[in-house]
Amino acid sequence: MNRAPWKTTTTQEQPRLQSWTPQPQAVRPPEITWGWYATPLTLEILAEGFAPISLAQMDAVALLNRTDTKFMMQNGQLLRALAALQQDYWMLAVNGQRLNHYRTLYFDTPDFELYHLHVNERADRYKVRSREYTDSCLSFLEVKHKNPKDRTIKQRILTAQPVVEITQEAENWLNGVYPFDSQVLEPKLWNTFTRITLVSKQYCERVTLDVDLAFYTTDKAVKLDGIAVAEVKMDANNRASPFLAQMREQRVRPQGFSKYCVGVSMLYDQVKKNTMKPKLLWIEKMIQGVANNERS
């Protein structure tokens, strides 16, 4: 199915990793040059160049009627964008840490009904996951609902520890926010990544940037080396985003990216994946360093 290139959505112990993809070709990061001496920029170096913002300050930036736009790019493109944006955004710092680490466990039915609702582009669909903020040791059980009005509603509850199976306590909460039988849900996919969050100094806008993405089950694993996923969340009436301008300048076009669907389609043979094949091919090309971001 052909899609418009600029698609927005309105919102309100680990096994050994086994390589799934070819070894990526090195993508040279941008450099800082002082005369004859050049130092490659890293994510950590660039992060220190942003003024910090606290979680409480970030939460005060209301995004009541927002649009969400996702991008997938190589890490070198992300570094070039960040080098150009340090005066336009604050960066979230949690306990002084700007690169924050996440671990997620997704649940689905035995025959992957929730996955198939998504890849079949059903207007009304759900995701159930346990998310752990590993740096702060906080965990939540979450339900994301994409409704027919193209709005995404996320509901969550704080848990004492990461949920790895649907207990009676979890089922009691799910019965109020999830319309299907929660008793049949079972753990399907683990996902880990590192996230940095930008907050615009001028507009109602946040940008999440995810790197080091990895997916694994009990016997398989895949890591998306050298790939970054960005999501821009901003007021629906404002399109004057410096980050979006950077994406246009680097010819990085928006495209959807579901961590759950990508991970499942890579690691499970029995699921339907015809609609995912173009994206999986694109991901492989990006890892190899041969992809062209000018997609039609």
C-alpha atoms as a PDB file:
ATOM      1  CA  MET A   1       0.000   0.000   0.000  1.00  0.00           C
ATOM      2  CA  ASN A   2       1.422   3.388  -0.991  1.00  0.00           C
ATOM      3  CA  ARG A   3       1.460   5.934   1.777  1.00  0.00           C
ATOM      4  CA  ALA A   4       1.940   9.661   1.920  1.00  0.00           C
ATOM      5  CA  PRO A   5       5.576  10.363   2.751  1.00  0.00           C
ATOM      6  CA  TRP A   6       4.679  12.609   5.701  1.00  0.00           C
ATOM      7  CA  LYS A   7       2.366  10.533   7.874  1.00  0.00           C
ATOM      8  CA  THR A   8       1.482  11.870  11.314  1.00  0.00           C
ATOM      9  CA  THR A   9      -0.540  10.276  14.063  1.00  0.00           C
ATOM     10  CA  THR A  10      -2.584  12.375  16.437  1.00  0.00           C
ATOM     11  CA  THR A  11      -2.137  11.459  20.103  1.00  0.00           C
ATOM     12  CA  GLN A  12      -3.188  12.316  23.251  1.00  0.00           C
ATOM     13  CA  GLU A  13      18.463 -12.631  33.044  1.00  0.00           C
ATOM     14  CA  GLN A  14      19.026 -12.032  29.039  1.00  0.00           C
ATOM     15  CA  PRO A  15      20.118 -14.807  26.580  1.00  0.00           C
ATOM     16  CA  ARG A  16      23.255 -14.530  24.461  1.00  0.00           C
ATOM     17  CA  LEU A  17      22.777 -12.280  21.474  1.00  0.00           C
ATOM     18  CA  GLN A  18      23.019 -14.060  18.137  1.00  0.00           C
ATOM     19  CA  SER A  19      23.680 -11.832  15.171  1.00  0.00           C
ATOM     20  CA  TRP A  20      20.830 -11.766  12.645  1.00  0.00           C
ATOM     21  CA  THR A  21      22.194  -9.146  10.254  1.00  0.00           C
ATOM     22  CA  PRO A  22      25.434  -8.799   8.302  1.00  0.00           C
ATOM     23  CA  GLN A  23      28.228  -6.836   9.903  1.00  0.00           C
ATOM     24  CA  PRO A  24      27.480  -3.138   9.335  1.00  0.00           C
ATOM     25  CA  GLN A  25      29.772  -0.950   7.346  1.00  0.00           C
ATOM     26  CA  ALA A  26      31.287   1.803   9.405  1.00  0.00           C
ATOM     27  CA  VAL A  27      29.537   5.161   9.115  1.00  0.00           C
ATOM     28  CA  ARG A  28      31.929   7.945  10.048  1.00  0.00           C
ATOM     29  CA  PRO A  29      30.465  10.358  12.581  1.00  0.00           C
ATOM     30  CA  PRO A  30      30.906  14.101  12.209  1.00  0.00           C
ATOM     31  CA  GLU A  31      34.098  15.531  13.634  1.00  0.00           C
ATOM     32  CA  ILE A  32      35.198  18.530  15.673  1.00  0.00           C
ATOM     33  CA  THR A  33      38.349  19.977  14.132  1.00  0.00           C
ATOM     34  CA  TRP A  34      40.971  22.174  15.767  1.00  0.00           C
ATOM     35  CA  GLY A  35      43.639  22.750  13.107  1.00  0.00           C
ATOM     36  CA  TRP A  36      45.260  19.415  12.402  1.00  0.00           C
ATOM     37  CA  TYR A  37      43.485  17.567  15.240  1.00  0.00           C
ATOM     38  CA  ALA A  38      40.038  16.021  14.789  1.00  0.00           C
ATOM     39  CA  THR A  39      37.923  14.262  17.431  1.00  0.00           C
ATOM     40  CA  PRO A  40      34.906  12.194  16.312  1.00  0.00           C
ATOM     41  CA  LEU A  41      31.681  13.313  17.942  1.00  0.00           C
ATOM     42  CA  THR A  42      29.882  10.716  20.014  1.00  0.00           C
ATOM     43  CA  LEU A  43      26.393  10.713  21.434  1.00  0.00           C
ATOM     44  CA  GLU A  44      27.794  11.214  24.921  1.00  0.00           C
ATOM     45  CA  ILE A  45      29.874  14.231  23.861  1.00  0.00           C
ATOM     46  CA  LEU A  46      26.981  15.840  22.024  1.00  0.00           C
ATOM     47  CA  ALA A  47      24.573  15.219  24.905  1.00  0.00           C
ATOM     48  CA  GLU A  48      26.778  17.254  27.221  1.00  0.00           C
ATOM     49  CA  GLY A  49      26.419  20.218  24.865  1.00  0.00           C
ATOM     50  CA  PHE A  50      22.681  20.550  25.593  1.00  0.00           C
ATOM     51  CA  ALA A  51      21.364  22.497  28.540  1.00  0.00           C
ATOM     52  CA  PRO A  52      19.550  20.100  30.905  1.00  0.00           C
ATOM     53  CA  ILE A  53      15.865  20.016  31.811  1.00  0.00           C
ATOM     54  CA  SER A  54      14.320  18.029  34.653  1.00  0.00           C
ATOM     55  CA  LEU A  55      11.468  15.554  34.369  1.00  0.00           C
ATOM     56  CA  ALA A  56       9.172  17.885  36.292  1.00  0.00           C
ATOM     57  CA  GLN A  57      10.034  20.806  34.014  1.00  0.00           C
ATOM     58  CA  MET A  58       9.464  18.674  30.916  1.00  0.00           C
ATOM     59  CA  ASP A  59       6.084  17.455  32.166  1.00  0.00           C
ATOM     60  CA  ALA A  60       5.015  21.072  32.528  1.00  0.00           C
ATOM     61  CA  VAL A  61       5.182  21.439  28.734  1.00  0.00           C
ATOM     62  CA  ALA A  62       1.625  20.450  27.856  1.00  0.00           C
ATOM     63  CA  LEU A  63       0.953  18.678  24.555  1.00  0.00           C
ATOM     64  CA  LEU A  64      -2.825  18.493  24.529  1.00  0.00           C
ATOM     65  CA  ASN A  65      -3.491  18.302  20.789  1.00  0.00           C
ATOM     66  CA  ARG A  66      -0.357  16.821  19.347  1.00  0.00           C
ATOM     67  CA  THR A  67       0.923  15.083  16.262  1.00  0.00           C
ATOM     68  CA  ASP A  68       3.494  12.296  16.311  1.00  0.00           C
ATOM     69  CA  THR A  69       5.967  11.795  13.479  1.00  0.00           C
ATOM     70  CA  LYS A  70       8.590   9.024  13.381  1.00  0.00           C
ATOM     71  CA  PHE A  71      11.895   8.775  11.541  1.00  0.00           C
ATOM     72  CA  MET A  72      14.458   6.026  11.072  1.00  0.00           C
ATOM     73  CA  MET A  73      18.047   7.026  10.317  1.00  0.00           C
ATOM     74  CA  GLN A  74      21.666   5.981  10.655  1.00  0.00           C
ATOM     75  CA  ASN A  75      23.533   7.042  13.772  1.00  0.00           C
ATOM     76  CA  GLY A  76      25.773   9.351  11.753  1.00  0.00           C
ATOM     77  CA  GLN A  77      22.718  11.296  10.582  1.00  0.00           C
ATOM     78  CA  LEU A  78      21.490  11.582  14.163  1.00  0.00           C
ATOM     79  CA  LEU A  79      24.855  12.929  15.315  1.00  0.00           C
ATOM     80  CA  ARG A  80      24.870  15.550  12.563  1.00  0.00           C
ATOM     81  CA  ALA A  81      21.378  16.649  13.565  1.00  0.00           C
ATOM     82  CA  LEU A  82      22.265  16.895  17.248  1.00  0.00           C
ATOM     83  CA  ALA A  83      25.393  18.912  16.502  1.00  0.00           C
ATOM     84  CA  ALA A  84      23.201  21.502  14.778  1.00  0.00           C
ATOM     85  CA  LEU A  85      20.400  21.637  17.374  1.00  0.00           C
ATOM     86  CA  GLN A  86      22.112  22.330  20.697  1.00  0.00           C
ATOM     87  CA  GLN A  87      20.842  25.920  20.875  1.00  0.00           C
ATOM     88  CA  ASP A  88      17.238  24.961  20.043  1.00  0.00           C
ATOM     89  CA  TYR A  89      16.516  22.253  22.641  1.00  0.00           C
ATOM     90  CA  TRP A  90      17.016  21.274  26.242  1.00  0.00           C
ATOM     91  CA  MET A  91      17.878  17.637  26.984  1.00  0.00           C
ATOM     92  CA  LEU A  92      16.145  15.629  29.688  1.00  0.00           C
ATOM     93  CA  ALA A  93      18.485  14.704  32.560  1.00  0.00           C
ATOM     94  CA  VAL A  94      17.322  12.165  35.157  1.00  0.00           C
ATOM     95  CA  ASN A  95      19.584  12.103  38.203  1.00  0.00           C
ATOM     96  CA  GLY A  96      22.189  13.800  36.035  1.00  0.00           C
ATOM     97  CA  GLN A  97      21.997  11.100  33.361  1.00  0.00           C
ATOM     98  CA  ARG A  98      21.056  12.051  29.806  1.00  0.00           C
ATOM     99  CA  LEU A  99      21.290   8.668  28.112  1.00  0.00           C
ATOM    100  CA  ASN A 100      18.556   6.616  29.763  1.00  0.00           C
ATOM    101  CA  HIS A 101      18.076   2.871  29.396  1.00  0.00           C
ATOM    102  CA  TYR A 102      14.794   1.033  28.887  1.00  0.00           C
ATOM    103  CA  ARG A 103      13.749  -2.612  28.887  1.00  0.00           C
ATOM    104  CA  THR A 104      10.331  -3.715  27.642  1.00  0.00           C
ATOM    105  CA  LEU A 105       8.490  -7.023  27.604  1.00  0.00           C
ATOM    106  CA  TYR A 106       5.565  -7.273  25.178  1.00  0.00           C
ATOM    107  CA  PHE A 107       2.614  -9.607  25.710  1.00  0.00           C
ATOM    108  CA  ASP A 108       0.366 -11.132  23.065  1.00  0.00           C
ATOM    109  CA  THR A 109      -1.992 -14.045  22.543  1.00  0.00           C
ATOM    110  CA  PRO A 110      -0.603 -17.481  21.562  1.00  0.00           C
ATOM    111  CA  ASP A 111      -1.344 -16.760  17.888  1.00  0.00           C
ATOM    112  CA  PHE A 112      -0.160 -13.110  17.968  1.00  0.00           C
ATOM    113  CA  GLU A 113      -3.571 -11.466  17.581  1.00  0.00           C
ATOM    114  CA  LEU A 114      -2.301  -8.058  18.716  1.00  0.00           C
ATOM    115  CA  TYR A 115       0.627  -8.173  16.290  1.00  0.00           C
ATOM    116  CA  HIS A 116      -1.645  -9.100  13.391  1.00  0.00           C
ATOM    117  CA  LEU A 117      -4.102  -6.321  14.240  1.00  0.00           C
ATOM    118  CA  HIS A 118      -1.207  -3.892  13.789  1.00  0.00           C
ATOM    119  CA  VAL A 119       0.348  -5.271  10.600  1.00  0.00           C
ATOM    120  CA  ASN A 120      -3.132  -5.594   9.067  1.00  0.00           C
ATOM    121  CA  GLU A 121      -3.573  -1.857   9.824  1.00  0.00           C
ATOM    122  CA  ARG A 122      -6.707  -2.297  11.870  1.00  0.00           C
ATOM    123  CA  ALA A 123      -7.929   1.090  13.035  1.00  0.00           C
ATOM    124  CA  ASP A 124      -8.664  -0.207  16.545  1.00  0.00           C
ATOM    125  CA  ARG A 125      -5.715  -2.016  18.092  1.00  0.00           C
ATOM    126  CA  TYR A 126      -3.832  -2.570  21.354  1.00  0.00           C
ATOM    127  CA  LYS A 127      -0.387  -3.264  22.770  1.00  0.00           C
ATOM    128  CA  VAL A 128       0.261  -4.667  26.245  1.00  0.00           C
ATOM    129  CA  ARG A 129       3.738  -4.302  27.686  1.00  0.00           C
ATOM    130  CA  SER A 130       5.799  -4.111  30.860  1.00  0.00           C
ATOM    131  CA  ARG A 131       8.329  -1.285  30.702  1.00  0.00           C
ATOM    132  CA  GLU A 132      11.306  -0.908  33.018  1.00  0.00           C
ATOM    133  CA  TYR A 133      13.304   2.302  33.394  1.00  0.00           C
ATOM    134  CA  THR A 134      16.482   0.517  34.388  1.00  0.00           C
ATOM    135  CA  ASP A 135      18.437   3.570  35.602  1.00  0.00           C
ATOM    136  CA  SER A 136      15.751   4.593  38.106  1.00  0.00           C
ATOM    137  CA  CYS A 137      14.485   1.049  38.820  1.00  0.00           C
ATOM    138  CA  LEU A 138      10.890   2.031  38.020  1.00  0.00           C
ATOM    139  CA  SER A 139       8.519  -0.358  36.254  1.00  0.00           C
ATOM    140  CA  PHE A 140       5.058   0.062  34.741  1.00  0.00           C
ATOM    141  CA  LEU A 141       2.462  -2.213  33.184  1.00  0.00           C
ATOM    142  CA  GLU A 142       1.098  -0.350  30.162  1.00  0.00           C
ATOM    143  CA  VAL A 143      -1.661  -0.606  27.596  1.00  0.00           C
ATOM    144  CA  LYS A 144      -1.527   1.448  24.386  1.00  0.00           C
ATOM    145  CA  HIS A 145      -4.757   1.812  22.427  1.00  0.00           C
ATOM    146  CA  LYS A 146      -4.864   3.180  18.890  1.00  0.00           C
ATOM    147  CA  ASN A 147      -8.504   4.073  18.291  1.00  0.00           C
ATOM    148  CA  PRO A 148     -10.449   4.574  15.040  1.00  0.00           C
ATOM    149  CA  LYS A 149     -10.019   8.353  15.378  1.00  0.00           C
ATOM    150  CA  ASP A 150      -6.248   7.826  14.949  1.00  0.00           C
ATOM    151  CA  ARG A 151      -5.558   8.782  18.544  1.00  0.00           C
ATOM    152  CA  THR A 152      -3.174   6.847  20.750  1.00  0.00           C
ATOM    153  CA  ILE A 153      -4.180   6.514  24.399  1.00  0.00           C
ATOM    154  CA  LYS A 154      -1.656   5.115  26.881  1.00  0.00           C
ATOM    155  CA  GLN A 155      -2.657   3.927  30.327  1.00  0.00           C
ATOM    156  CA  ARG A 156      -0.237   2.496  32.859  1.00  0.00           C
ATOM    157  CA  ILE A 157       0.137   1.400  36.459  1.00  0.00           C
ATOM    158  CA  LEU A 158       3.271   1.418  38.613  1.00  0.00           C
ATOM    159  CA  THR A 159       4.467  -2.078  39.525  1.00  0.00           C
ATOM    160  CA  ALA A 160       6.838  -3.146  42.301  1.00  0.00           C
ATOM    161  CA  GLN A 161       8.972  -5.018  39.761  1.00  0.00           C
ATOM    162  CA  PRO A 162       8.832  -5.739  36.037  1.00  0.00           C
ATOM    163  CA  VAL A 163       5.819  -7.873  35.100  1.00  0.00           C
ATOM    164  CA  VAL A 164       7.001 -11.057  33.364  1.00  0.00           C
ATOM    165  CA  GLU A 165       3.674 -12.899  33.428  1.00  0.00           C
ATOM    166  CA  ILE A 166       0.042 -11.909  33.757  1.00  0.00           C
ATOM    167  CA  THR A 167      -0.725 -12.410  37.445  1.00  0.00           C
ATOM    168  CA  GLN A 168      -4.137 -12.051  39.081  1.00  0.00           C
ATOM    169  CA  GLU A 169      -3.196  -8.538  40.177  1.00  0.00           C
ATOM    170  CA  ALA A 170      -2.196  -7.575  36.649  1.00  0.00           C
ATOM    171  CA  GLU A 171      -5.355  -9.170  35.272  1.00  0.00           C
ATOM    172  CA  ASN A 172      -7.521  -7.156  37.641  1.00  0.00           C
ATOM    173  CA  TRP A 173      -6.052  -3.914  36.311  1.00  0.00           C
ATOM    174  CA  LEU A 174      -6.109  -5.016  32.669  1.00  0.00           C
ATOM    175  CA  ASN A 175      -9.812  -5.850  32.901  1.00  0.00           C
ATOM    176  CA  GLY A 176     -10.496  -2.124  33.219  1.00  0.00           C
ATOM    177  CA  VAL A 177      -8.366  -0.911  30.309  1.00  0.00           C
ATOM    178  CA  TYR A 178      -8.081  -3.857  27.906  1.00  0.00           C
ATOM    179  CA  PRO A 179     -11.240  -5.172  26.180  1.00  0.00           C
ATOM    180  CA  PHE A 180     -10.031  -8.701  25.404  1.00  0.00           C
ATOM    181  CA  ASP A 181      -9.307 -11.725  27.569  1.00  0.00           C
ATOM    182  CA  SER A 182      -6.127 -10.893  29.480  1.00  0.00           C
ATOM    183  CA  GLN A 183      -5.819 -14.460  30.815  1.00  0.00           C
ATOM    184  CA  VAL A 184      -4.508 -15.694  27.467  1.00  0.00           C
ATOM    185  CA  LEU A 185      -1.726 -13.099  27.214  1.00  0.00           C
ATOM    186  CA  GLU A 186       1.785 -14.498  27.318  1.00  0.00           C
ATOM    187  CA  PRO A 187       5.258 -12.919  27.090  1.00  0.00           C
ATOM    188  CA  LYS A 188       6.470 -12.737  23.486  1.00  0.00           C
ATOM    189  CA  LEU A 189       9.290 -10.256  22.973  1.00  0.00           C
ATOM    190  CA  TRP A 190      11.932  -8.433  24.995  1.00  0.00           C
ATOM    191  CA  ASN A 191      13.256  -5.092  23.743  1.00  0.00           C
ATOM    192  CA  THR A 192      16.058  -2.901  25.088  1.00  0.00           C
ATOM    193  CA  PHE A 193      17.199   0.531  23.932  1.00  0.00           C
ATOM    194  CA  THR A 194      18.870   3.762  25.022  1.00  0.00           C
ATOM    195  CA  ARG A 195      16.859   6.988  24.831  1.00  0.00           C
ATOM    196  CA  ILE A 196      17.610  10.683  24.905  1.00  0.00           C
ATOM    197  CA  THR A 197      14.796  13.236  25.023  1.00  0.00           C
ATOM    198  CA  LEU A 198      14.867  16.762  23.636  1.00  0.00           C
ATOM    199  CA  VAL A 199      12.474  19.540  24.668  1.00  0.00           C
ATOM    200  CA  SER A 200      12.107  22.604  22.460  1.00  0.00           C
ATOM    201  CA  LYS A 201      13.060  25.945  23.978  1.00  0.00           C
ATOM    202  CA  GLN A 202      10.573  27.796  21.788  1.00  0.00           C
ATOM    203  CA  TYR A 203       7.705  25.484  20.822  1.00  0.00           C
ATOM    204  CA  CYS A 204       5.488  22.860  22.449  1.00  0.00           C
ATOM    205  CA  GLU A 205       7.594  19.991  21.168  1.00  0.00           C
ATOM    206  CA  ARG A 206       9.452  16.935  22.435  1.00  0.00           C
ATOM    207  CA  VAL A 207      11.718  14.605  20.487  1.00  0.00           C
ATOM    208  CA  THR A 208      12.647  11.107  21.673  1.00  0.00           C
ATOM    209  CA  LEU A 209      15.731   9.507  20.115  1.00  0.00           C
ATOM    210  CA  ASP A 210      16.259   5.764  20.543  1.00  0.00           C
ATOM    211  CA  VAL A 211      19.532   3.963  19.787  1.00  0.00           C
ATOM    212  CA  ASP A 212      21.101   0.590  20.647  1.00  0.00           C
ATOM    213  CA  LEU A 213      17.859  -1.193  19.789  1.00  0.00           C
ATOM    214  CA  ALA A 214      17.863  -4.935  20.474  1.00  0.00           C
ATOM    215  CA  PHE A 215      15.139  -7.601  20.463  1.00  0.00           C
ATOM    216  CA  TYR A 216      15.244 -11.072  21.919  1.00  0.00           C
ATOM    217  CA  THR A 217      13.182 -14.103  22.850  1.00  0.00           C
ATOM    218  CA  THR A 218      14.217 -17.171  24.827  1.00  0.00           C
ATOM    219  CA  ASP A 219      16.281 -18.543  21.927  1.00  0.00           C
ATOM    220  CA  LYS A 220      16.808 -15.783  19.344  1.00  0.00           C
ATOM    221  CA  ALA A 221      18.074 -12.222  19.293  1.00  0.00           C
ATOM    222  CA  VAL A 222      18.778  -9.365  16.910  1.00  0.00           C
ATOM    223  CA  LYS A 223      20.453  -5.998  17.348  1.00  0.00           C
ATOM    224  CA  LEU A 224      19.867  -3.018  15.035  1.00  0.00           C
ATOM    225  CA  ASP A 225      23.427  -1.762  14.919  1.00  0.00           C
ATOM    226  CA  GLY A 226      23.900   1.828  13.810  1.00  0.00           C
ATOM    227  CA  ILE A 227      20.185   2.690  13.578  1.00  0.00           C
ATOM    228  CA  ALA A 228      18.349   5.445  15.438  1.00  0.00           C
ATOM    229  CA  VAL A 229      14.591   5.940  15.697  1.00  0.00           C
ATOM    230  CA  ALA A 230      13.206   9.399  16.363  1.00  0.00           C
ATOM    231  CA  GLU A 231       9.687  10.428  17.321  1.00  0.00           C
ATOM    232  CA  VAL A 232       8.645  14.077  17.205  1.00  0.00           C
ATOM    233  CA  LYS A 233       5.698  14.994  19.423  1.00  0.00           C
ATOM    234  CA  MET A 234       4.491  18.532  18.899  1.00  0.00           C
ATOM    235  CA  ASP A 235       1.477  20.790  18.928  1.00  0.00           C
ATOM    236  CA  ALA A 236      -0.740  20.045  15.940  1.00  0.00           C
ATOM    237  CA  ASN A 237      -0.852  23.712  14.928  1.00  0.00           C
ATOM    238  CA  ASN A 238       2.911  24.168  14.812  1.00  0.00           C
ATOM    239  CA  ARG A 239       5.244  22.845  12.107  1.00  0.00           C
ATOM    240  CA  ALA A 240       8.199  25.177  12.764  1.00  0.00           C
ATOM    241  CA  SER A 241      10.393  22.483  14.251  1.00  0.00           C
ATOM    242  CA  PRO A 242      14.192  22.766  14.030  1.00  0.00           C
ATOM    243  CA  PHE A 243      14.429  18.967  14.273  1.00  0.00           C
ATOM    244  CA  LEU A 244      12.042  18.504  11.335  1.00  0.00           C
ATOM    245  CA  ALA A 245      14.078  21.052   9.411  1.00  0.00           C
ATOM    246  CA  GLN A 246      17.188  18.955  10.067  1.00  0.00           C
ATOM    247  CA  MET A 247      15.419  15.848   8.789  1.00  0.00           C
ATOM    248  CA  ARG A 248      14.423  17.650   5.594  1.00  0.00           C
ATOM    249  CA  GLU A 249      17.964  18.968   5.139  1.00  0.00           C
ATOM    250  CA  GLN A 250      19.366  15.437   5.434  1.00  0.00           C
ATOM    251  CA  ARG A 251      16.547  14.032   3.275  1.00  0.00           C
ATOM    252  CA  VAL A 252      15.349  11.702   6.015  1.00  0.00           C
ATOM    253  CA  ARG A 253      11.687  11.030   5.358  1.00  0.00           C
ATOM    254  CA  PRO A 254       9.121  10.117   8.029  1.00  0.00           C
ATOM    255  CA  GLN A 255       8.032   6.503   8.299  1.00  0.00           C
ATOM    256  CA  GLY A 256       6.273   4.389  10.877  1.00  0.00           C
ATOM    257  CA  PHE A 257       8.293   2.177  13.204  1.00  0.00           C
ATOM    258  CA  SER A 258       6.707  -0.192  15.711  1.00  0.00           C
ATOM    259  CA  LYS A 259       9.344  -1.779  17.942  1.00  0.00           C
ATOM    260  CA  TYR A 260       7.033  -4.696  18.688  1.00  0.00           C
ATOM    261  CA  CYS A 261       6.141  -5.426  15.083  1.00  0.00           C
ATOM    262  CA  VAL A 262       9.721  -5.109  13.867  1.00  0.00           C
ATOM    263  CA  GLY A 263      11.022  -7.398  16.590  1.00  0.00           C
ATOM    264  CA  VAL A 264       8.326 -10.041  16.130  1.00  0.00           C
ATOM    265  CA  SER A 265       8.676 -10.085  12.359  1.00  0.00           C
ATOM    266  CA  MET A 266      12.435 -10.607  12.697  1.00  0.00           C
ATOM    267  CA  LEU A 267      12.371 -13.319  15.331  1.00  0.00           C
ATOM    268  CA  TYR A 268       9.214 -15.360  14.683  1.00  0.00           C
ATOM    269  CA  ASP A 269       8.781 -17.390  11.497  1.00  0.00           C
ATOM    270  CA  GLN A 270       5.098 -18.251  11.905  1.00  0.00           C
ATOM    271  CA  VAL A 271       3.659 -14.723  11.834  1.00  0.00           C
ATOM    272  CA  LYS A 272       2.342 -12.872   8.813  1.00  0.00           C
ATOM    273  CA  LYS A 273       5.018 -10.490   7.586  1.00  0.00           C
ATOM    274  CA  ASN A 274       4.287  -9.615   3.955  1.00  0.00           C
ATOM    275  CA  THR A 275       3.501  -6.018   4.863  1.00  0.00           C
ATOM    276  CA  MET A 276       6.683  -5.858   6.964  1.00  0.00           C
ATOM    277  CA  LYS A 277       9.087  -7.092   4.256  1.00  0.00           C
ATOM    278  CA  PRO A 278       9.805  -3.655   2.707  1.00  0.00           C
ATOM    279  CA  LYS A 279      10.646  -2.227   6.127  1.00  0.00           C
ATOM    280  CA  LEU A 280      12.829  -5.198   7.062  1.00  0.00           C
ATOM    281  CA  LEU A 281      14.733  -4.869   3.782  1.00  0.00           C
ATOM    282  CA  TRP A 282      15.143  -1.149   4.425  1.00  0.00           C
ATOM    283  CA  ILE A 283      16.489  -1.826   7.925  1.00  0.00           C
ATOM    284  CA  GLU A 284      19.004  -4.337   6.580  1.00  0.00           C
ATOM    285  CA  LYS A 285      20.215  -1.848   3.999  1.00  0.00           C
ATOM    286  CA  MET A 286      20.609   0.833   6.651  1.00  0.00           C
ATOM    287  CA  ILE A 287      22.646  -1.500   8.832  1.00  0.00           C
ATOM    288  CA  GLN A 288      24.853  -2.281   5.844  1.00  0.00           C
ATOM    289  CA  GLY A 289      25.207   1.431   5.166  1.00  0.00           C
ATOM    290  CA  VAL A 290      23.822   1.288   1.628  1.00  0.00           C
ATOM    291  CA  ALA A 291      20.333   2.746   2.138  1.00  0.00           C
ATOM    292  CA  ASN A 292      19.245   5.983   0.512  1.00  0.00           C
ATOM    293  CA  ASN A 293      16.895   7.975   2.724  1.00  0.00           C
ATOM    294  CA  GLU A 294      15.073   9.522  -0.216  1.00  0.00           C
ATOM    295  CA  ARG A 295      12.162   7.113  -0.227  1.00  0.00           C
ATOM    296  CA  SER A 296       9.078   7.665  -2.305  1.00  0.00           C
END
